[in-house]
Amino acid sequence: MSRKVIYFLLFLAAAGLRLAILFRQELIPGVNGGYYPLQVRSLLENGRLGFADMPLYFWFNAFWVKAIALFYSAPEESWIIPVVKTVDAFFLPLLLIPLYFIAKEFRRPKQPGLWWEAAVATFAVAAPWPLMFTGDLQKNAFAIPFFFAFLLFGLKYLRRPSRPLFLGGILCVLLAGLAHFGVFVIAVATLGLGLFVAILRPGKSDSSESGVRKAPKWAALALLSLALLSTGLVALFDSARAWRLLTVAGEIFRHPALFGALGPPELLGYFFSWLLAGLGAYALYQHKTQLDISERVSLLTLTVLILLLSFPLLNADYAQRLMLMLFVPQSVLCLLLFRLLPPSWSNILATALLILCLAFSPGVLHFKQPVLSQAAYDELEGLKSQLPLDENTLAIARHGLEWWAGWALHCKTGNEKGVNAETPEQYRQVFFLHQKKGKEERGPAGKHPGFPEPEPPFGELLKTRELEYFQVYRWQTTQGEGY
């Protein structure tokens, strides 16, 4: 069986698995599952997002909703959730396209070990971490193929420097930035690290290395320009994220993950990352005189990147987010290691990749559920005809539920973090939703994540509806005004 056929079959299997997860219930799984259709509907109805965010993923979904609506008489809104689910199912597996060509760049002529590549490709789409993106981390998943494509352009540039390859890599970084802030930051960090290693790394000289080394000034200038442009791009769509990018140095080492409650997924991720980094350092030491510029830069860049992303003294929240994206450099590093390690070591590594998928991915599939049951959602939707809702109404619910409240009630929504002293002045009425039962959130160990029901910072809550699944309260301030 040829490599192309194997990659194509893996693409179909990965997309089919994600379709099964997403379409086994009417709602979208995950804490942020309702966020994406809510944003797409806002874009279609108002021409802008309801919440500041990087827009590419929502533009992409809105385009397909509009395109489908041209051929069917059903309302556009009825197509939003099916389109969002379908895009989420098919887009992340597209990473197999750049991954195939990356493997081709590293592959030796007539190199055995087709199953090594198959193991990496399986890991890239079916390991626990990419599966975690399904449903509630859709923007992350959408940006991942652009990250892989950027790595492909970078590898090709190291071997055959040219302006089109450099510009292609920059375009992929920008597309990742328009899709997801976190993937974009890691891609820019990878670019900066790769340029630094390419310029300063000593080694044997060849024509491609001369092409990389001869222009360190313009490469550094390009990186600085990209950093400024990207920060401005983020600020254009989401000023809060841009400010977070500028102030991250003061937060990234607070409350280190090492001193927090590390669970099995985190410990597994750290162990595997450090194992790969150790193999990368070993391969670099053993083959330092035989590697060409692309192999040396790739090996060192990926090894250092993995160590940085899995550094245990990072802030626990940042560490958890970064660990989800580690499978990208891990996959590419494995492809390179297969070329450099003894065959017996490569067999062990490939087997470990498959064991990771078979042993731990089913657990991810088990807890990928919506944040509320279908019966609870039906009752929530029925509240629309029972409450006096208009454009001056705000519904407050716990994190995760707030998105489905906005979708079902068709009003402005948020969680208690957005409630402050100015809120009563901005809205004619504010309702608080407390869910009594029908919570479907589950973690890897079957535990509820524990997002509390919202409470106002001042004033009191007056009960207006007592239903089977929900209690609805109207917020009344201490000044005696009812909301």
Protein backbone atom coordinates (compact mmCIF):
# COMPACT_ATOMS: atom_id res chain seq x y z
CA MET A 1 0.00 0.00 0.00
CA SER A 2 1.44 3.39 -0.98
CA ARG A 3 2.07 6.23 1.43
CA LYS A 4 -0.52 8.46 -0.26
CA VAL A 5 -3.21 5.82 0.20
CA ILE A 6 -2.30 5.38 3.87
CA TYR A 7 -2.47 9.13 4.51
CA PHE A 8 -5.79 9.38 2.66
CA LEU A 9 -7.30 6.50 4.65
CA LEU A 10 -6.08 8.09 7.89
CA PHE A 11 -7.69 11.36 6.84
CA LEU A 12 -11.03 9.62 6.25
CA ALA A 13 -10.77 7.74 9.54
CA ALA A 14 -9.86 10.86 11.53
CA ALA A 15 -12.64 12.91 9.93
CA GLY A 16 -15.11 10.07 10.47
CA LEU A 17 -14.15 9.77 14.12
CA ARG A 18 -14.61 13.49 14.68
CA LEU A 19 -17.95 13.43 12.82
CA ALA A 20 -19.11 10.61 15.11
CA ILE A 21 -18.14 12.61 18.21
CA LEU A 22 -19.81 15.79 16.99
CA PHE A 23 -23.02 14.36 15.51
CA ARG A 24 -23.85 11.79 18.20
CA GLN A 25 -25.88 14.54 19.91
CA GLU A 26 -27.61 17.69 18.70
CA LEU A 27 -25.48 20.09 20.73
CA ILE A 28 -21.75 20.61 20.34
CA PRO A 29 -19.56 18.94 23.01
CA GLY A 30 -17.21 20.78 25.33
CA VAL A 31 -17.33 23.79 27.62
CA ASN A 32 -17.04 26.20 24.69
CA GLY A 33 -19.13 24.14 22.28
CA GLY A 34 -21.88 26.75 22.06
CA TYR A 35 -19.45 29.62 21.52
CA TYR A 36 -18.83 28.96 17.83
CA PRO A 37 -22.40 28.87 16.48
CA LEU A 38 -23.20 31.91 18.63
CA GLN A 39 -20.35 33.87 17.05
CA VAL A 40 -21.23 32.73 13.53
CA ARG A 41 -24.87 33.77 13.99
CA SER A 42 -23.79 37.18 15.27
CA LEU A 43 -21.57 37.61 12.22
CA LEU A 44 -24.40 36.66 9.84
CA GLU A 45 -27.01 38.84 11.55
CA ASN A 46 -24.97 41.87 12.57
CA GLY A 47 -21.89 41.76 10.36
CA ARG A 48 -19.62 41.53 13.41
CA LEU A 49 -18.69 39.10 16.15
CA GLY A 50 -20.59 39.19 19.41
CA PHE A 51 -17.36 38.75 21.38
CA ALA A 52 -13.95 40.12 20.40
CA ASP A 53 -11.86 37.34 18.89
CA MET A 54 -9.67 36.41 15.94
CA PRO A 55 -12.20 36.15 13.11
CA LEU A 56 -10.97 33.78 10.39
CA TYR A 57 -12.69 30.65 11.67
CA PHE A 58 -16.03 32.44 12.01
CA TRP A 59 -15.70 34.03 8.57
CA PHE A 60 -15.00 30.59 7.10
CA ASN A 61 -18.08 29.03 8.72
CA ALA A 62 -20.30 32.00 7.84
CA PHE A 63 -19.22 31.71 4.18
CA TRP A 64 -20.34 28.08 4.03
CA VAL A 65 -23.61 28.80 5.78
CA LYS A 66 -24.31 31.54 3.21
CA ALA A 67 -23.31 29.26 0.35
CA ILE A 68 -25.57 26.41 1.49
CA ALA A 69 -28.48 28.77 2.15
CA LEU A 70 -28.40 29.82 -1.52
CA PHE A 71 -29.63 26.36 -2.53
CA TYR A 72 -32.13 25.66 0.26
CA SER A 73 -35.14 27.53 1.58
CA ALA A 74 -34.49 26.70 5.24
CA PRO A 75 -33.40 29.65 7.43
CA GLU A 76 -29.67 30.32 7.61
CA GLU A 77 -29.67 29.75 11.36
CA SER A 78 -30.73 26.13 10.88
CA TRP A 79 -27.49 25.43 8.99
CA ILE A 80 -25.07 27.00 11.47
CA ILE A 81 -24.59 24.11 13.90
CA PRO A 82 -24.30 21.41 11.16
CA VAL A 83 -21.78 23.55 9.27
CA VAL A 84 -19.73 24.27 12.40
CA LYS A 85 -19.64 20.57 13.26
CA THR A 86 -18.65 19.55 9.74
CA VAL A 87 -15.87 22.12 9.44
CA ASP A 88 -14.52 21.08 12.84
CA ALA A 89 -14.56 17.43 11.77
CA PHE A 90 -12.72 17.85 8.47
CA PHE A 91 -10.29 20.74 8.93
CA LEU A 92 -7.86 19.45 11.56
CA PRO A 93 -7.21 16.18 9.63
CA LEU A 94 -6.03 18.36 6.73
CA LEU A 95 -2.75 18.62 8.67
CA LEU A 96 -1.93 15.28 7.06
CA ILE A 97 -1.24 17.08 3.77
CA PRO A 98 1.73 19.17 4.99
CA LEU A 99 2.77 16.30 7.26
CA TYR A 100 3.07 14.01 4.22
CA PHE A 101 5.40 16.46 2.46
CA ILE A 102 7.42 17.05 5.65
CA ALA A 103 7.97 13.30 5.88
CA LYS A 104 8.97 13.30 2.23
CA GLU A 105 11.63 15.95 2.94
CA PHE A 106 13.14 13.83 5.72
CA ARG A 107 12.80 10.45 4.02
CA ARG A 108 15.93 8.79 2.66
CA PRO A 109 15.80 7.14 -0.78
CA LYS A 110 14.33 3.64 -0.45
CA GLN A 111 14.13 4.09 3.32
CA PRO A 112 12.16 1.26 4.97
CA GLY A 113 9.73 1.86 7.77
CA LEU A 114 6.52 2.91 6.06
CA TRP A 115 4.72 2.01 9.26
CA TRP A 116 6.86 4.54 11.16
CA GLU A 117 5.29 7.31 9.11
CA ALA A 118 1.85 5.77 9.56
CA ALA A 119 2.40 5.78 13.33
CA VAL A 120 3.31 9.48 13.31
CA ALA A 121 0.37 10.36 11.08
CA THR A 122 -1.98 8.42 13.38
CA PHE A 123 -0.51 10.18 16.40
CA ALA A 124 -0.95 13.61 14.73
CA VAL A 125 -4.70 13.17 14.24
CA ALA A 126 -5.75 10.63 16.89
CA ALA A 127 -3.55 11.22 19.94
CA PRO A 128 -5.36 12.49 23.06
CA TRP A 129 -4.24 16.09 22.48
CA PRO A 130 -5.60 16.70 18.95
CA LEU A 131 -8.80 14.89 19.93
CA MET A 132 -9.17 17.33 22.83
CA PHE A 133 -9.73 20.07 20.26
CA THR A 134 -12.95 18.45 19.03
CA GLY A 135 -16.00 20.55 19.79
CA ASP A 136 -14.91 23.23 22.23
CA LEU A 137 -11.44 24.16 20.90
CA GLN A 138 -12.36 24.57 17.27
CA LYS A 139 -10.27 27.66 16.54
CA ASN A 140 -7.19 25.82 17.79
CA ALA A 141 -7.97 22.90 15.49
CA PHE A 142 -8.55 25.24 12.54
CA ALA A 143 -5.13 26.88 13.01
CA ILE A 144 -3.14 23.65 13.40
CA PRO A 145 -2.91 22.78 9.65
CA PHE A 146 -1.52 26.29 9.02
CA PHE A 147 1.12 25.61 11.71
CA PHE A 148 2.14 22.36 9.98
CA ALA A 149 2.21 24.15 6.61
CA PHE A 150 4.46 26.84 8.11
CA LEU A 151 6.89 24.14 9.30
CA LEU A 152 6.87 22.63 5.80
CA PHE A 153 7.70 25.99 4.18
CA GLY A 154 10.42 26.58 6.75
CA LEU A 155 12.02 23.19 6.08
CA LYS A 156 11.95 23.74 2.33
CA TYR A 157 13.39 27.22 2.76
CA LEU A 158 16.33 25.88 4.76
CA ARG A 159 17.19 23.55 1.90
CA ARG A 160 16.42 25.83 -1.03
CA PRO A 161 16.18 29.45 0.16
CA SER A 162 13.80 31.53 -1.93
CA ARG A 163 11.48 34.46 -1.44
CA PRO A 164 8.29 32.52 -2.36
CA LEU A 165 9.03 29.90 0.32
CA PHE A 166 9.74 32.58 2.92
CA LEU A 167 6.58 34.49 2.03
CA GLY A 168 4.57 31.25 2.04
CA GLY A 169 5.73 30.54 5.58
CA ILE A 170 4.87 34.08 6.70
CA LEU A 171 1.42 33.77 5.11
CA CYS A 172 0.78 30.55 7.06
CA VAL A 173 1.78 32.31 10.30
CA LEU A 174 -0.59 35.18 9.57
CA LEU A 175 -3.44 32.80 8.72
CA ALA A 176 -2.80 30.96 11.98
CA GLY A 177 -2.90 34.35 13.72
CA LEU A 178 -6.23 35.23 12.16
CA ALA A 179 -7.56 31.87 13.34
CA HIS A 180 -6.19 31.43 16.86
CA PHE A 181 -4.07 33.58 19.14
CA GLY A 182 -2.24 30.76 20.94
CA VAL A 183 -1.20 28.81 17.83
CA PHE A 184 -0.04 32.07 16.30
CA VAL A 185 2.19 32.88 19.29
CA ILE A 186 3.81 29.43 19.14
CA ALA A 187 4.32 29.72 15.37
CA VAL A 188 6.02 33.12 15.77
CA ALA A 189 8.18 31.71 18.59
CA THR A 190 9.14 28.79 16.34
CA LEU A 191 10.05 31.18 13.53
CA GLY A 192 12.19 33.30 15.83
CA LEU A 193 13.91 30.27 17.33
CA GLY A 194 14.52 28.75 13.90
CA LEU A 195 16.03 31.97 12.50
CA PHE A 196 18.27 32.31 15.53
CA VAL A 197 19.51 28.72 15.22
CA ALA A 198 19.97 28.99 11.43
CA ILE A 199 22.07 32.12 11.72
CA LEU A 200 24.23 31.17 14.69
CA ARG A 201 24.44 27.37 14.56
CA PRO A 202 27.95 26.26 13.54
CA GLY A 203 28.43 23.34 11.23
CA LYS A 204 29.56 22.24 7.84
CA SER A 205 28.96 24.65 5.01
CA ASP A 206 26.88 23.94 1.94
CA SER A 207 25.10 26.01 -0.66
CA SER A 208 21.79 26.08 1.18
CA GLU A 209 23.50 27.04 4.43
CA SER A 210 25.22 29.94 2.69
CA GLY A 211 21.83 31.07 1.42
CA VAL A 212 20.46 31.05 4.94
CA ARG A 213 23.47 32.71 6.55
CA LYS A 214 24.11 35.46 4.04
CA ALA A 215 21.19 37.61 5.11
CA PRO A 216 20.94 37.55 8.93
CA LYS A 217 20.09 41.24 9.05
CA TRP A 218 17.06 41.04 6.80
CA ALA A 219 15.94 37.82 8.53
CA ALA A 220 16.09 39.54 11.92
CA LEU A 221 14.37 42.58 10.47
CA ALA A 222 11.66 40.36 8.98
CA LEU A 223 11.11 38.71 12.36
CA LEU A 224 10.88 42.06 14.12
CA SER A 225 8.48 43.35 11.47
CA LEU A 226 6.37 40.22 11.81
CA ALA A 227 6.24 40.62 15.60
CA LEU A 228 5.08 44.23 15.30
CA LEU A 229 2.64 43.46 12.50
CA SER A 230 1.22 40.46 14.31
CA THR A 231 0.76 42.35 17.57
CA GLY A 232 -1.06 45.07 15.66
CA LEU A 233 -3.15 42.45 13.87
CA VAL A 234 -4.19 40.87 17.15
CA ALA A 235 -4.96 44.31 18.63
CA LEU A 236 -7.14 45.14 15.63
CA PHE A 237 -9.52 42.27 16.43
CA ASP A 238 -8.98 41.72 20.16
CA SER A 239 -7.21 44.37 22.21
CA ALA A 240 -7.38 42.24 25.38
CA ARG A 241 -5.37 39.44 23.76
CA ALA A 242 -2.86 41.92 22.36
CA TRP A 243 -2.33 43.36 25.83
CA ARG A 244 -1.94 39.84 27.19
CA LEU A 245 0.75 39.23 24.57
CA LEU A 246 2.65 42.32 25.71
CA THR A 247 2.35 41.52 29.42
CA VAL A 248 2.79 37.75 29.30
CA ALA A 249 6.31 37.94 30.76
CA GLY A 250 4.90 39.11 34.08
CA GLU A 251 2.38 36.26 34.31
CA ILE A 252 3.90 33.21 32.69
CA PHE A 253 5.82 31.99 35.76
CA ARG A 254 3.17 32.70 38.40
CA HIS A 255 1.57 29.62 40.00
CA PRO A 256 3.81 27.06 38.26
CA ALA A 257 2.26 23.86 37.00
CA LEU A 258 4.89 21.83 38.86
CA PHE A 259 3.43 22.93 42.20
CA GLY A 260 -0.17 22.48 41.14
CA ALA A 261 -2.38 19.43 40.84
CA LEU A 262 -0.87 17.62 37.86
CA GLY A 263 -3.20 14.93 36.57
CA PRO A 264 -2.43 11.89 34.39
CA PRO A 265 -2.79 13.82 31.07
CA GLU A 266 -0.26 16.45 32.17
CA LEU A 267 2.20 13.93 33.59
CA LEU A 268 1.94 11.82 30.44
CA GLY A 269 2.50 14.88 28.27
CA TYR A 270 5.55 15.98 30.24
CA PHE A 271 7.12 12.53 30.25
CA PHE A 272 6.65 12.02 26.51
CA SER A 273 7.95 15.51 25.70
CA TRP A 274 11.08 15.07 27.78
CA LEU A 275 11.67 11.64 26.26
CA LEU A 276 11.53 13.09 22.73
CA ALA A 277 13.72 16.03 23.72
CA GLY A 278 16.29 13.59 25.11
CA LEU A 279 16.23 11.55 21.88
CA GLY A 280 16.59 14.78 19.90
CA ALA A 281 19.64 15.83 21.92
CA TYR A 282 21.14 12.36 21.51
CA ALA A 283 20.61 12.38 17.73
CA LEU A 284 22.11 15.86 17.45
CA TYR A 285 25.21 14.78 19.36
CA GLN A 286 25.64 11.52 17.46
CA HIS A 287 25.14 12.95 13.95
CA LYS A 288 26.28 16.56 14.29
CA THR A 289 28.92 16.24 11.58
CA GLN A 290 26.67 14.44 9.07
CA LEU A 291 23.54 16.61 9.26
CA ASP A 292 22.79 19.21 6.62
CA ILE A 293 21.52 22.70 7.49
CA SER A 294 17.83 21.78 7.36
CA GLU A 295 18.28 18.74 9.58
CA ARG A 296 20.46 20.54 12.14
CA VAL A 297 18.21 23.58 12.38
CA SER A 298 15.04 21.47 12.49
CA LEU A 299 16.42 19.08 15.08
CA LEU A 300 17.69 21.78 17.41
CA THR A 301 14.69 24.08 16.94
CA LEU A 302 12.11 21.35 17.56
CA THR A 303 13.99 19.95 20.56
CA VAL A 304 14.30 23.35 22.22
CA LEU A 305 10.69 24.22 21.36
CA ILE A 306 9.40 21.04 22.98
CA LEU A 307 11.47 21.73 26.10
CA LEU A 308 10.13 25.30 26.29
CA LEU A 309 6.50 24.27 25.83
CA SER A 310 6.80 21.53 28.46
CA PHE A 311 8.77 23.58 30.99
CA PRO A 312 7.15 22.64 34.34
CA LEU A 313 7.64 26.07 35.95
CA LEU A 314 5.27 27.76 33.52
CA ASN A 315 1.98 29.08 34.87
CA ALA A 316 -0.42 26.15 35.23
CA ASP A 317 -3.03 27.66 32.92
CA TYR A 318 -0.48 28.51 30.23
CA ALA A 319 1.17 25.09 30.62
CA GLN A 320 -2.12 23.32 30.04
CA ARG A 321 -2.83 25.33 26.90
CA LEU A 322 0.68 24.89 25.52
CA MET A 323 0.66 21.16 26.14
CA LEU A 324 -2.31 20.80 23.80
CA MET A 325 -0.14 22.09 20.94
CA LEU A 326 2.93 20.01 21.70
CA PHE A 327 1.86 17.25 19.33
CA VAL A 328 2.80 19.49 16.37
CA PRO A 329 6.57 19.72 17.05
CA GLN A 330 6.48 16.20 18.52
CA SER A 331 5.14 14.75 15.25
CA VAL A 332 7.69 16.53 13.08
CA LEU A 333 10.58 15.66 15.41
CA CYS A 334 9.58 11.98 15.32
CA LEU A 335 9.78 11.99 11.51
CA LEU A 336 13.31 13.35 11.71
CA LEU A 337 14.33 10.98 14.49
CA PHE A 338 13.29 7.98 12.40
CA ARG A 339 15.99 9.00 9.95
CA LEU A 340 18.66 9.32 12.64
CA LEU A 341 17.93 6.64 15.25
CA PRO A 342 18.79 2.95 14.91
CA PRO A 343 15.91 0.92 13.40
CA SER A 344 15.25 -0.87 16.70
CA TRP A 345 14.86 2.49 18.47
CA SER A 346 12.57 3.74 15.71
CA ASN A 347 10.39 0.65 16.10
CA ILE A 348 10.07 1.29 19.83
CA LEU A 349 9.23 4.97 19.27
CA ALA A 350 6.61 4.19 16.60
CA THR A 351 5.06 1.56 18.87
CA ALA A 352 4.94 4.09 21.72
CA LEU A 353 3.06 6.54 19.49
CA LEU A 354 0.41 3.95 18.67
CA ILE A 355 0.11 2.86 22.30
CA LEU A 356 -0.52 6.49 23.29
CA CYS A 357 -3.38 6.64 20.82
CA LEU A 358 -4.91 3.27 21.68
CA ALA A 359 -4.56 3.54 25.46
CA PHE A 360 -5.52 7.15 26.15
CA SER A 361 -7.57 8.50 23.23
CA PRO A 362 -10.71 6.46 24.09
CA GLY A 363 -10.85 8.32 27.41
CA VAL A 364 -11.00 11.63 25.56
CA LEU A 365 -13.83 10.35 23.38
CA HIS A 366 -15.77 9.28 26.47
CA PHE A 367 -15.93 12.68 28.14
CA LYS A 368 -16.54 14.76 25.00
CA GLN A 369 -20.10 15.73 25.91
CA PRO A 370 -22.07 19.00 25.80
CA VAL A 371 -22.29 21.02 29.02
CA LEU A 372 -26.01 20.30 29.37
CA SER A 373 -28.36 17.52 28.39
CA GLN A 374 -30.71 17.82 25.46
CA ALA A 375 -33.70 17.90 27.82
CA ALA A 376 -32.13 20.77 29.77
CA TYR A 377 -31.46 22.64 26.52
CA ASP A 378 -35.05 22.16 25.38
CA GLU A 379 -36.26 23.72 28.63
CA LEU A 380 -33.75 26.55 28.21
CA GLU A 381 -35.03 27.21 24.72
CA GLY A 382 -38.58 27.33 26.04
CA LEU A 383 -37.63 30.21 28.33
CA LYS A 384 -37.49 32.48 25.31
CA SER A 385 -41.29 32.70 25.25
CA GLN A 386 -41.57 33.05 29.04
CA LEU A 387 -39.18 35.94 29.70
CA PRO A 388 -39.41 39.57 28.53
CA LEU A 389 -36.26 39.46 26.40
CA ASP A 390 -35.04 42.25 24.15
CA GLU A 391 -31.78 43.89 23.04
CA ASN A 392 -31.43 45.51 26.48
CA THR A 393 -31.53 42.16 28.30
CA LEU A 394 -28.47 40.35 29.62
CA ALA A 395 -28.51 36.67 30.66
CA ILE A 396 -25.78 35.53 33.06
CA ALA A 397 -24.93 31.83 33.39
CA ARG A 398 -21.98 29.74 34.50
CA HIS A 399 -19.08 29.34 32.10
CA GLY A 400 -20.02 27.00 29.27
CA LEU A 401 -23.75 27.41 29.75
CA GLU A 402 -23.62 31.12 28.85
CA TRP A 403 -23.02 30.31 25.16
CA TRP A 404 -26.04 28.04 24.88
CA ALA A 405 -28.13 30.56 26.84
CA GLY A 406 -27.25 33.22 24.26
CA TRP A 407 -27.98 30.81 21.41
CA ALA A 408 -31.33 29.60 22.79
CA LEU A 409 -32.64 32.91 24.19
CA HIS A 410 -31.27 35.07 21.36
CA CYS A 411 -30.10 37.77 23.76
CA LYS A 412 -26.81 39.09 25.06
CA THR A 413 -25.13 36.73 27.45
CA GLY A 414 -22.09 36.35 29.68
CA ASN A 415 -20.77 34.82 32.87
CA GLU A 416 -20.25 36.42 36.25
CA LYS A 417 -16.72 37.59 35.38
CA GLY A 418 -18.25 40.22 33.12
CA VAL A 419 -20.63 41.57 35.80
CA ASN A 420 -19.57 44.76 37.56
CA ALA A 421 -20.98 47.99 38.97
CA GLU A 422 -21.64 49.36 35.47
CA THR A 423 -23.71 46.40 34.30
CA PRO A 424 -27.07 47.64 35.74
CA GLU A 425 -26.57 50.93 33.90
CA GLN A 426 -25.95 49.19 30.56
CA TYR A 427 -28.98 46.88 30.54
CA ARG A 428 -32.64 47.33 31.36
CA GLN A 429 -32.82 43.89 32.94
CA VAL A 430 -30.33 41.21 33.93
CA PHE A 431 -31.32 37.59 34.50
CA PHE A 432 -29.22 34.98 36.31
CA LEU A 433 -29.66 31.34 35.25
CA HIS A 434 -28.93 28.58 37.76
CA GLN A 435 -29.02 25.01 36.49
CA LYS A 436 -30.32 22.41 38.96
CA LYS A 437 -29.69 19.23 36.97
CA GLY A 438 -28.93 18.00 33.46
CA LYS A 439 -25.25 18.98 33.60
CA GLU A 440 -23.32 16.76 31.25
CA GLU A 441 -19.79 18.07 31.82
CA ARG A 442 -17.25 15.33 32.49
CA GLY A 443 -13.52 15.36 32.79
CA PRO A 444 -11.03 12.54 32.04
CA ALA A 445 -11.71 11.03 35.47
CA GLY A 446 -15.47 11.50 35.19
CA LYS A 447 -15.51 14.49 37.52
CA HIS A 448 -17.46 17.69 37.00
CA PRO A 449 -15.13 20.59 36.15
CA GLY A 450 -16.79 22.61 38.90
CA PHE A 451 -17.80 25.89 37.28
CA PRO A 452 -20.06 27.46 39.92
CA GLU A 453 -23.49 28.91 39.33
CA PRO A 454 -23.13 32.70 39.00
CA GLU A 455 -23.85 35.17 41.79
CA PRO A 456 -24.00 38.98 41.50
CA PRO A 457 -21.27 41.11 43.12
CA PHE A 458 -23.91 43.15 44.97
CA GLY A 459 -27.68 43.46 45.24
CA GLU A 460 -29.97 40.45 45.42
CA LEU A 461 -31.54 37.86 43.16
CA LEU A 462 -35.34 37.61 42.92
CA LYS A 463 -36.62 34.26 41.70
CA THR A 464 -38.89 34.62 38.67
CA ARG A 465 -39.08 31.06 37.32
CA GLU A 466 -38.75 27.65 38.98
CA LEU A 467 -38.46 24.95 36.32
CA GLU A 468 -37.35 21.32 36.27
CA TYR A 469 -33.80 22.06 35.13
CA PHE A 470 -33.37 25.77 35.77
CA GLN A 471 -34.07 28.51 38.25
CA VAL A 472 -34.30 31.99 36.76
CA TYR A 473 -33.55 35.06 38.87
CA ARG A 474 -33.90 38.76 38.16
CA TRP A 475 -31.11 40.90 39.53
CA GLN A 476 -32.15 43.74 41.80
CA THR A 477 -29.53 46.26 42.87
CA THR A 478 -29.13 47.68 46.35
CA GLN A 479 -30.58 50.98 45.12
CA GLY A 480 -33.96 49.28 44.88
CA GLU A 481 -34.10 49.24 41.09
CA GLY A 482 -35.26 46.01 39.56
CA TYR A 483 -33.40 44.32 36.77
